[in-house]
Amino acid sequence: MGNRAGFADNRATELPIPPKGVLRDYAETILICVIFVVFTRAFIFQQSKIPSGSMEDTLLIGDYIMVNRFVFSPAPTA
């Protein structure tokens, strides 16, 4: 191409990026954890409480169970 003598080198004039603050770092970490928990509870695990005695032989009224939704999801069709 041609001589670019008229253009200044932008790398020399760039300001350094300031480091993130501690509060912002904590906020980002908490937000990522909340998104992970919401995704996990929506698509992978479901927590349930046993409301009645219909499964009295194996589960008591008031027991909590966690169901793996990924395993019991519908099988893909071909």
Protein backbone atom coordinates (compact mmCIF):
# COMPACT_ATOMS: atom_id res chain seq x y z
CA MET A 1 0.00 0.00 0.00
CA GLY A 2 1.34 3.44 0.55
CA ASN A 3 3.24 5.21 3.22
CA ARG A 4 1.10 5.81 6.30
CA ALA A 5 3.29 8.48 7.83
CA GLY A 6 0.25 10.63 8.59
CA PHE A 7 -1.21 8.09 11.03
CA ALA A 8 0.02 8.06 14.60
CA ASP A 9 0.72 4.78 16.36
CA ASN A 10 -2.37 4.24 18.53
CA ARG A 11 -0.69 1.66 20.73
CA ALA A 12 1.54 4.29 22.29
CA THR A 13 -1.38 6.56 23.22
CA GLU A 14 -3.77 3.91 24.62
CA LEU A 15 -4.55 4.26 28.29
CA PRO A 16 -4.00 1.20 30.46
CA ILE A 17 -7.19 -0.65 31.44
CA PRO A 18 -7.88 -0.08 35.14
CA PRO A 19 -8.24 -3.23 37.25
CA LYS A 20 -11.73 -4.33 38.27
CA GLY A 21 -12.84 -3.36 41.73
CA VAL A 22 -13.42 -5.92 44.43
CA LEU A 23 -17.16 -5.17 44.52
CA ARG A 24 -17.51 -5.71 40.77
CA ASP A 25 -15.54 -8.95 40.98
CA TYR A 26 -17.83 -10.26 43.74
CA ALA A 27 -20.95 -9.14 41.85
CA GLU A 28 -19.85 -10.94 38.68
CA THR A 29 -19.05 -14.12 40.63
CA ILE A 30 -22.42 -14.08 42.39
CA LEU A 31 -24.27 -13.42 39.13
CA ILE A 32 -22.55 -16.34 37.40
CA CYS A 33 -23.39 -18.63 40.33
CA VAL A 34 -27.05 -17.54 40.31
CA ILE A 35 -27.33 -18.14 36.56
CA PHE A 36 -25.75 -21.59 37.01
CA VAL A 37 -28.17 -22.52 39.83
CA VAL A 38 -31.24 -21.30 37.91
CA PHE A 39 -30.17 -23.24 34.79
CA THR A 40 -29.44 -26.36 36.83
CA ARG A 41 -32.78 -26.27 38.67
CA ALA A 42 -34.70 -25.60 35.46
CA PHE A 43 -33.18 -28.25 33.21
CA ILE A 44 -31.21 -30.81 35.23
CA PHE A 45 -32.49 -31.21 38.81
CA GLN A 46 -35.88 -30.76 40.42
CA GLN A 47 -36.43 -30.70 44.17
CA SER A 48 -39.76 -31.99 45.47
CA LYS A 49 -41.42 -32.54 48.82
CA ILE A 50 -43.56 -35.64 49.35
CA PRO A 51 -47.03 -34.22 50.19
CA SER A 52 -49.02 -37.40 50.87
CA GLY A 53 -48.65 -40.96 52.07
CA SER A 54 -48.99 -42.58 48.65
CA MET A 55 -45.39 -43.81 48.80
CA GLU A 56 -45.43 -44.62 52.51
CA ASP A 57 -43.42 -47.83 52.09
CA THR A 58 -40.35 -46.03 50.72
CA LEU A 59 -40.83 -42.30 51.38
CA LEU A 60 -42.39 -40.59 54.37
CA ILE A 61 -44.69 -37.58 54.30
CA GLY A 62 -42.56 -34.43 54.27
CA ASP A 63 -39.43 -36.07 52.82
CA TYR A 64 -37.50 -34.12 50.22
CA ILE A 65 -36.28 -35.77 47.03
CA MET A 66 -34.15 -34.57 44.17
CA VAL A 67 -34.99 -35.81 40.68
CA ASN A 68 -32.48 -35.89 37.83
CA ARG A 69 -34.55 -34.40 35.00
CA PHE A 70 -31.84 -35.03 32.43
CA VAL A 71 -32.08 -38.81 32.86
CA PHE A 72 -35.89 -38.86 32.67
CA SER A 73 -36.21 -36.47 29.73
CA PRO A 74 -37.89 -37.71 26.55
CA ALA A 75 -35.64 -39.68 24.23
CA PRO A 76 -34.72 -37.93 20.98
CA THR A 77 -36.58 -39.15 17.94
CA ALA A 78 -34.80 -40.06 14.76
